[in-house]
Amino acid sequence: MKGLKNFLWFLYKCFAAYTLLIYILILWIPLKGWVAGFMMMSFPVVVIVHLVSIPIWFIVERKKALLPLVMAALAGIFLSRTYSFGHKADEQELARSFSVMNYNVHSFQRNEDLKDPQVRGNIGDMKSWISSSDADILCMSEYFSDRGKLLNINKALDSAGYVYSAFYSRNKAENHTHSWGLAVLSKYPILAQRDTIFEAQNGMLQADIKIKGDTVRIIAVHLYSMTLKLSALVHQKQMDGVKKEGKITFERMRNGFVRRSAEMSALETWINASPYPVIVCGDFNEIPYGYVYSKMRSLLRNGFEEKGDGFGFTFNHLPYYIRIDHQFYSDDELQIQDFTTFDKVDYSDHYPVMGHYQFKRDGLGEKKD
């Protein structure tokens, strides 16, 4: 029995060393590459293991409980990335702010059975909710609009006051029969735009938006999607099926870490080149402990960390309890007043998030209502 206890203690010490390496990677040396990506992504599981280990080692040998206690306590360094305690917005300042909402709209369910009354009702409800959201600037991933009555999202949002818009330039080459991919719609004038498409709908869309005497650069992003089919993995009953789905999941995740690291390099170039204060928002497909998030955090402030509430989970499918939709902003010229995650709005596989911002040298212009 003593030999088993010593062996388990040795394994736990090795796990503690692995934990310290993860902490170092996240905090000081965010590395590119899929190995580091998997390690940093394991952070939540690692912390849970240490928390569970505290009472276990306390029962087995009281003094040994100190190590998991220290490991769990050190994880508190990353608390601000994980949980926000809520910050009540000042109503006067909120009234003077402009709002930015990003939302992966899952193509407005266009791939569902559009003859189904429930699907059609959901699409209508989704259009109505977005139109009445009071956001001044909308940034949408997996956007889709055509000229039909049901999915003419452009027309619905134009009627709601979003008379200025920016889409992928490829849409223009397709004669505007439909709009897809990333979209920025605004109640304030858009002065200029540019975009780059990484693959399929993934890419970046930049819009310079005039708000009275100031200009803000909005960079909407949709980084590499791993399209994990975790439900298929969970529901596998045969070992061969588990192995097959597990291998597919691993390959997609590995490719995701590599691709998003490369996309981050392009995004950093855009951020550094901006003559205006920047807000970068969208579907990053990245939890708060990975390379891209850590890199963004070194460049800009995160809206959720400053003014969010709770865990702020933004994904509405397995694995559910993750935050992958973010807003980052230039805190030298912008001040955030409020940040909200709409976790009751379940029309898509993502929840929308909205930040309210104010120029530090203030004065807001007229918007189209």
Protein backbone atom coordinates (compact mmCIF):
# COMPACT_ATOMS: atom_id res chain seq x y z
CA MET A 1 0.00 0.00 0.00
CA LYS A 2 2.83 2.36 0.86
CA GLY A 3 4.50 1.59 -2.48
CA LEU A 4 1.29 2.44 -4.35
CA LYS A 5 0.92 5.69 -2.43
CA ASN A 6 4.50 6.69 -3.24
CA PHE A 7 3.96 5.86 -6.91
CA LEU A 8 0.78 7.94 -7.06
CA TRP A 9 2.56 10.81 -5.32
CA PHE A 10 5.35 10.62 -7.91
CA LEU A 11 2.79 10.76 -10.71
CA TYR A 12 1.11 13.73 -9.08
CA LYS A 13 4.41 15.60 -8.80
CA CYS A 14 4.99 14.99 -12.51
CA PHE A 15 1.50 16.37 -13.17
CA ALA A 16 2.34 19.41 -11.04
CA ALA A 17 5.46 19.99 -13.16
CA TYR A 18 3.32 19.74 -16.31
CA THR A 19 0.94 22.28 -14.76
CA LEU A 20 3.74 24.76 -14.12
CA LEU A 21 4.81 24.43 -17.75
CA ILE A 22 1.27 25.23 -18.88
CA TYR A 23 1.16 28.28 -16.62
CA ILE A 24 4.46 29.50 -18.06
CA LEU A 25 3.27 28.95 -21.65
CA ILE A 26 0.06 30.90 -21.08
CA LEU A 27 1.54 33.71 -19.03
CA TRP A 28 4.96 34.43 -20.46
CA ILE A 29 5.82 32.34 -23.49
CA PRO A 30 2.76 31.78 -25.68
CA LEU A 31 4.11 29.41 -28.33
CA LYS A 32 2.80 28.65 -31.78
CA GLY A 33 2.31 25.05 -32.79
CA TRP A 34 -0.16 22.33 -32.06
CA VAL A 35 1.67 20.70 -29.14
CA ALA A 36 1.66 23.94 -27.14
CA GLY A 37 -1.93 24.48 -28.29
CA PHE A 38 -3.11 21.22 -26.79
CA MET A 39 -1.19 21.91 -23.59
CA MET A 40 -2.67 25.38 -23.10
CA MET A 41 -6.15 24.14 -23.96
CA SER A 42 -5.89 21.55 -21.17
CA PHE A 43 -5.72 24.33 -18.55
CA PRO A 44 -9.34 24.04 -17.27
CA VAL A 45 -9.05 20.26 -16.87
CA VAL A 46 -5.71 20.62 -15.10
CA VAL A 47 -7.16 23.06 -12.57
CA ILE A 48 -10.14 20.78 -11.88
CA VAL A 49 -7.77 17.85 -11.25
CA HIS A 50 -5.83 19.90 -8.70
CA LEU A 51 -9.02 21.02 -6.95
CA VAL A 52 -10.22 17.42 -6.69
CA SER A 53 -6.77 16.33 -5.47
CA ILE A 54 -6.82 18.66 -2.44
CA PRO A 55 -9.33 16.66 -0.32
CA ILE A 56 -7.97 13.33 -1.59
CA TRP A 57 -4.41 14.04 -0.49
CA PHE A 58 -5.67 15.66 2.69
CA ILE A 59 -7.29 12.33 3.62
CA VAL A 60 -4.33 10.20 2.49
CA GLU A 61 -1.56 12.31 4.02
CA ARG A 62 -2.47 15.77 5.23
CA LYS A 63 0.79 17.59 4.47
CA LYS A 64 0.75 16.41 0.85
CA ALA A 65 -2.45 18.38 0.27
CA LEU A 66 -0.31 21.52 0.28
CA LEU A 67 1.00 20.91 -3.26
CA PRO A 68 -2.41 20.69 -5.00
CA LEU A 69 -3.53 23.64 -2.90
CA VAL A 70 -0.60 25.70 -4.18
CA MET A 71 -1.18 24.54 -7.78
CA ALA A 72 -4.85 25.52 -7.60
CA ALA A 73 -4.01 28.85 -5.96
CA LEU A 74 -1.52 29.69 -8.72
CA ALA A 75 -4.31 29.19 -11.26
CA GLY A 76 -5.86 32.31 -9.74
CA ILE A 77 -3.42 34.28 -11.88
CA PHE A 78 -5.71 33.47 -14.79
CA LEU A 79 -8.98 34.20 -12.99
CA SER A 80 -9.65 37.38 -14.98
CA ARG A 81 -9.53 35.38 -18.21
CA THR A 82 -12.00 32.88 -16.81
CA TYR A 83 -14.54 34.75 -14.73
CA SER A 84 -15.69 38.35 -14.45
CA PHE A 85 -17.45 39.55 -11.32
CA GLY A 86 -19.72 42.01 -13.08
CA HIS A 87 -19.39 45.75 -13.29
CA LYS A 88 -22.51 47.88 -13.22
CA ALA A 89 -22.40 50.39 -16.04
CA ASP A 90 -22.77 54.08 -15.29
CA GLU A 91 -26.03 55.06 -17.00
CA GLN A 92 -24.82 58.53 -17.97
CA GLU A 93 -21.63 57.18 -19.52
CA LEU A 94 -23.58 54.37 -21.18
CA ALA A 95 -25.85 56.93 -22.85
CA ARG A 96 -22.79 58.59 -24.40
CA SER A 97 -21.25 55.36 -25.65
CA PHE A 98 -21.48 53.49 -28.94
CA SER A 99 -22.15 49.76 -28.99
CA VAL A 100 -20.58 46.93 -30.97
CA MET A 101 -22.16 43.48 -31.16
CA ASN A 102 -20.54 40.42 -32.68
CA TYR A 103 -22.56 37.33 -33.43
CA ASN A 104 -21.87 34.13 -35.36
CA VAL A 105 -25.31 33.78 -36.92
CA HIS A 106 -24.79 30.30 -38.40
CA SER A 107 -25.97 31.47 -41.84
CA PHE A 108 -29.39 32.26 -40.36
CA GLN A 109 -30.20 28.52 -40.46
CA ARG A 110 -30.25 28.53 -44.26
CA ASN A 111 -29.02 24.91 -44.32
CA GLU A 112 -32.03 23.72 -42.33
CA ASP A 113 -35.37 22.70 -43.85
CA LEU A 114 -36.70 26.11 -44.87
CA LYS A 115 -40.18 24.66 -45.39
CA ASP A 116 -40.39 23.78 -41.70
CA PRO A 117 -42.60 26.38 -39.94
CA GLN A 118 -40.44 26.22 -36.82
CA VAL A 119 -37.27 26.94 -38.80
CA ARG A 120 -38.97 29.82 -40.62
CA GLY A 121 -40.21 31.15 -37.29
CA ASN A 122 -36.71 30.96 -35.79
CA ILE A 123 -35.27 32.88 -38.74
CA GLY A 124 -37.91 35.57 -38.36
CA ASP A 125 -37.31 35.79 -34.61
CA MET A 126 -33.57 36.01 -35.16
CA LYS A 127 -33.95 38.87 -37.64
CA SER A 128 -36.26 40.68 -35.24
CA TRP A 129 -33.94 40.23 -32.27
CA ILE A 130 -30.89 41.54 -34.13
CA SER A 131 -32.86 44.45 -35.59
CA SER A 132 -34.06 45.49 -32.13
CA SER A 133 -30.77 44.83 -30.30
CA ASP A 134 -29.89 48.56 -30.22
CA ALA A 135 -26.32 47.81 -31.28
CA ASP A 136 -24.81 50.67 -33.27
CA ILE A 137 -22.39 48.38 -35.10
CA LEU A 138 -23.02 44.73 -35.98
CA CYS A 139 -20.21 42.30 -36.78
CA MET A 140 -21.51 38.94 -37.95
CA SER A 141 -19.69 35.72 -38.79
CA GLU A 142 -21.25 33.13 -41.11
CA TYR A 143 -23.53 35.87 -42.40
CA PHE A 144 -25.91 35.14 -45.24
CA SER A 145 -28.44 37.22 -47.12
CA ASP A 146 -30.14 36.76 -50.48
CA ARG A 147 -32.98 38.44 -52.35
CA GLY A 148 -35.69 36.09 -51.18
CA LYS A 149 -38.34 37.18 -48.71
CA LEU A 150 -37.23 34.91 -45.86
CA LEU A 151 -33.47 35.45 -45.98
CA ASN A 152 -33.20 39.02 -47.23
CA ILE A 153 -31.34 39.99 -44.08
CA ASN A 154 -29.75 43.02 -45.75
CA LYS A 155 -33.17 44.57 -46.35
CA ALA A 156 -34.39 43.83 -42.82
CA LEU A 157 -31.34 45.41 -41.22
CA ASP A 158 -31.38 48.39 -43.58
CA SER A 159 -34.95 49.05 -42.44
CA ALA A 160 -33.72 48.87 -38.83
CA GLY A 161 -31.24 51.70 -39.44
CA TYR A 162 -28.13 49.79 -40.50
CA VAL A 163 -27.75 51.73 -43.73
CA TYR A 164 -23.96 51.39 -43.93
CA SER A 165 -22.44 48.01 -44.63
CA ALA A 166 -19.23 46.19 -45.48
CA PHE A 167 -18.98 42.66 -46.85
CA TYR A 168 -16.33 40.47 -48.38
CA SER A 169 -15.27 42.10 -51.66
CA ARG A 170 -15.90 38.78 -53.40
CA ASN A 171 -19.63 39.42 -52.91
CA LYS A 172 -19.41 42.34 -55.34
CA ALA A 173 -17.86 40.10 -57.96
CA GLU A 174 -20.91 37.86 -57.62
CA ASN A 175 -23.23 40.75 -58.57
CA HIS A 176 -24.64 41.10 -55.06
CA THR A 177 -27.11 38.27 -55.60
CA HIS A 178 -26.26 37.31 -52.05
CA SER A 179 -23.96 38.32 -49.20
CA TRP A 180 -22.03 35.75 -47.20
CA GLY A 181 -19.11 35.33 -44.83
CA LEU A 182 -18.21 38.23 -42.58
CA ALA A 183 -20.37 41.34 -42.44
CA VAL A 184 -20.15 44.70 -40.68
CA LEU A 185 -23.33 46.78 -40.59
CA SER A 186 -23.45 50.19 -38.97
CA LYS A 187 -25.70 53.10 -38.09
CA TYR A 188 -22.65 55.33 -38.46
CA PRO A 189 -20.90 56.01 -41.80
CA ILE A 190 -18.30 53.51 -43.02
CA LEU A 191 -15.44 55.44 -44.61
CA ALA A 192 -13.31 52.58 -45.92
CA GLN A 193 -13.06 48.82 -45.84
CA ARG A 194 -10.72 45.96 -46.70
CA ASP A 195 -10.83 42.21 -46.29
CA THR A 196 -8.86 39.05 -46.59
CA ILE A 197 -10.31 35.55 -46.85
CA PHE A 198 -8.33 32.71 -45.33
CA GLU A 199 -10.56 29.84 -46.40
CA ALA A 200 -14.27 29.38 -47.09
CA GLN A 201 -15.98 31.91 -44.77
CA ASN A 202 -12.99 32.38 -42.46
CA GLY A 203 -11.17 35.68 -42.76
CA MET A 204 -10.95 39.29 -41.59
CA LEU A 205 -13.05 42.32 -42.54
CA GLN A 206 -11.95 45.83 -41.63
CA ALA A 207 -14.22 48.89 -41.56
CA ASP A 208 -13.27 52.45 -40.60
CA ILE A 209 -16.36 54.00 -39.03
CA LYS A 210 -16.87 57.71 -38.49
CA ILE A 211 -18.44 58.70 -35.17
CA LYS A 212 -18.67 62.49 -35.23
CA GLY A 213 -15.12 63.85 -34.97
CA ASP A 214 -13.59 60.45 -34.28
CA THR A 215 -12.96 57.33 -36.31
CA VAL A 216 -12.78 53.79 -34.98
CA ARG A 217 -11.39 50.85 -36.92
CA ILE A 218 -13.51 47.74 -36.54
CA ILE A 219 -11.81 44.47 -37.46
CA ALA A 220 -14.29 41.60 -37.61
CA VAL A 221 -12.66 38.19 -37.57
CA HIS A 222 -13.66 34.59 -38.07
CA LEU A 223 -10.58 32.47 -37.49
CA TYR A 224 -10.10 28.89 -38.60
CA SER A 225 -13.05 26.69 -37.69
CA MET A 226 -12.32 23.20 -36.46
CA THR A 227 -15.95 22.06 -37.05
CA LEU A 228 -15.63 19.49 -34.29
CA LYS A 229 -18.36 16.85 -34.30
CA LEU A 230 -18.17 16.09 -30.61
CA SER A 231 -21.74 14.80 -30.52
CA ALA A 232 -20.74 12.11 -33.03
CA LEU A 233 -17.82 11.17 -30.79
CA VAL A 234 -19.96 11.10 -27.63
CA HIS A 235 -22.66 8.94 -29.21
CA GLN A 236 -20.31 6.33 -30.61
CA LYS A 237 -21.06 2.94 -29.06
CA GLN A 238 -18.43 0.84 -30.84
CA MET A 239 -14.74 1.17 -30.01
CA ASP A 240 -13.83 1.37 -33.70
CA GLY A 241 -16.19 4.30 -34.07
CA VAL A 242 -14.72 6.01 -31.03
CA LYS A 243 -11.20 5.59 -32.42
CA LYS A 244 -12.23 6.91 -35.84
CA GLU A 245 -14.08 9.97 -34.51
CA GLY A 246 -11.34 10.58 -31.95
CA LYS A 247 -8.69 10.61 -34.66
CA ILE A 248 -10.75 12.99 -36.81
CA THR A 249 -11.29 15.30 -33.83
CA PHE A 250 -7.57 15.28 -33.00
CA GLU A 251 -6.59 16.11 -36.60
CA ARG A 252 -9.06 18.99 -36.80
CA MET A 253 -7.88 20.44 -33.52
CA ARG A 254 -4.22 20.11 -34.51
CA ASN A 255 -4.85 21.84 -37.84
CA GLY A 256 -6.79 24.55 -36.01
CA PHE A 257 -3.90 25.43 -33.70
CA VAL A 258 -1.50 25.71 -36.64
CA ARG A 259 -3.84 27.67 -38.92
CA ARG A 260 -4.99 30.18 -36.31
CA SER A 261 -1.38 30.91 -35.34
CA ALA A 262 -0.68 31.88 -38.96
CA GLU A 263 -3.88 33.94 -39.15
CA MET A 264 -2.87 35.77 -35.98
CA SER A 265 0.26 37.04 -37.72
CA ALA A 266 -1.88 38.69 -40.41
CA LEU A 267 -4.24 40.10 -37.80
CA GLU A 268 -1.38 41.58 -35.78
CA THR A 269 -0.13 43.37 -38.90
CA TRP A 270 -3.56 44.96 -39.40
CA ILE A 271 -3.76 46.05 -35.77
CA ASN A 272 -0.30 47.61 -35.73
CA ALA A 273 -0.95 49.46 -39.00
CA SER A 274 -4.11 51.19 -37.78
CA PRO A 275 -4.00 55.00 -37.42
CA TYR A 276 -7.26 54.80 -35.43
CA PRO A 277 -8.32 53.15 -32.19
CA VAL A 278 -9.17 49.52 -32.88
CA ILE A 279 -11.90 47.11 -31.85
CA VAL A 280 -11.26 43.52 -32.92
CA CYS A 281 -14.22 41.22 -32.48
CA GLY A 282 -15.70 38.00 -33.71
CA ASP A 283 -15.47 34.23 -33.58
CA PHE A 284 -11.86 33.46 -32.70
CA ASN A 285 -12.46 29.73 -32.20
CA GLU A 286 -10.02 30.11 -29.33
CA ILE A 287 -10.50 29.74 -25.57
CA PRO A 288 -8.87 32.31 -23.24
CA TYR A 289 -5.72 30.27 -22.59
CA GLY A 290 -4.45 29.68 -26.13
CA TYR A 291 -1.79 31.33 -28.28
CA VAL A 292 -4.10 33.66 -30.22
CA TYR A 293 -5.92 34.92 -27.13
CA SER A 294 -2.68 35.48 -25.23
CA LYS A 295 -1.19 37.30 -28.21
CA MET A 296 -4.27 39.49 -28.60
CA ARG A 297 -4.20 40.20 -24.88
CA SER A 298 -0.65 41.53 -25.22
CA LEU A 299 -1.81 43.97 -27.92
CA LEU A 300 -5.25 45.08 -26.70
CA ARG A 301 -7.61 44.91 -23.73
CA ASN A 302 -10.36 42.30 -23.59
CA GLY A 303 -13.92 43.56 -23.17
CA PHE A 304 -15.20 40.61 -21.16
CA GLU A 305 -12.31 40.75 -18.70
CA GLU A 306 -12.95 44.44 -18.06
CA LYS A 307 -16.75 44.61 -17.92
CA GLY A 308 -18.21 41.13 -18.34
CA ASP A 309 -20.24 39.08 -15.89
CA GLY A 310 -19.78 35.45 -14.86
CA PHE A 311 -18.07 32.92 -17.10
CA GLY A 312 -19.45 34.45 -20.30
CA PHE A 313 -19.67 31.16 -22.21
CA THR A 314 -20.49 31.86 -25.87
CA PHE A 315 -20.88 28.42 -27.48
CA ASN A 316 -24.32 26.84 -27.69
CA HIS A 317 -23.25 23.28 -28.61
CA LEU A 318 -20.91 20.65 -27.24
CA PRO A 319 -18.68 21.25 -25.32
CA TYR A 320 -20.91 24.24 -24.28
CA TYR A 321 -18.81 25.64 -21.43
CA ILE A 322 -16.31 27.61 -23.48
CA ARG A 323 -15.82 31.26 -24.46
CA ILE A 324 -14.57 31.60 -28.03
CA ASP A 325 -16.25 34.84 -29.16
CA HIS A 326 -14.31 37.89 -28.01
CA GLN A 327 -13.90 41.66 -28.24
CA PHE A 328 -10.52 43.38 -27.86
CA TYR A 329 -10.01 47.14 -27.94
CA SER A 330 -7.37 49.90 -27.80
CA ASP A 331 -7.49 51.05 -24.19
CA ASP A 332 -5.25 54.07 -24.81
CA GLU A 333 -8.02 55.79 -26.81
CA LEU A 334 -11.16 53.84 -25.93
CA GLN A 335 -12.89 53.11 -22.65
CA ILE A 336 -15.35 50.24 -22.25
CA GLN A 337 -18.50 50.95 -20.27
CA ASP A 338 -20.33 47.63 -20.41
CA PHE A 339 -20.05 44.12 -21.83
CA THR A 340 -22.92 41.65 -22.16
CA THR A 341 -23.17 38.01 -23.22
CA PHE A 342 -26.70 37.21 -24.40
CA ASP A 343 -26.76 33.59 -23.26
CA LYS A 344 -30.54 33.31 -23.57
CA VAL A 345 -30.47 34.10 -27.29
CA ASP A 346 -30.18 30.58 -28.67
CA TYR A 347 -31.02 30.93 -32.37
CA SER A 348 -27.46 30.00 -33.40
CA ASP A 349 -24.69 27.72 -32.16
CA HIS A 350 -23.07 30.86 -30.70
CA TYR A 351 -24.38 33.50 -28.33
CA PRO A 352 -24.06 37.18 -29.29
CA VAL A 353 -21.89 39.52 -27.21
CA MET A 354 -22.02 43.31 -27.05
CA GLY A 355 -19.62 45.95 -25.76
CA HIS A 356 -20.33 49.64 -25.12
CA TYR A 357 -17.37 51.94 -25.80
CA GLN A 358 -16.55 55.59 -25.42
CA PHE A 359 -13.75 57.66 -26.88
CA LYS A 360 -11.56 59.04 -24.13
CA ARG A 361 -11.73 62.40 -25.89
CA ASP A 362 -15.45 62.28 -26.26
CA GLY A 363 -18.37 63.41 -28.38
CA LEU A 364 -20.64 61.09 -30.32
CA GLY A 365 -22.17 61.85 -33.66
CA GLU A 366 -25.54 61.43 -35.26
CA LYS A 367 -26.46 57.91 -36.20
CA LYS A 368 -29.19 56.66 -38.47
CA ASP A 369 -32.17 55.54 -36.38
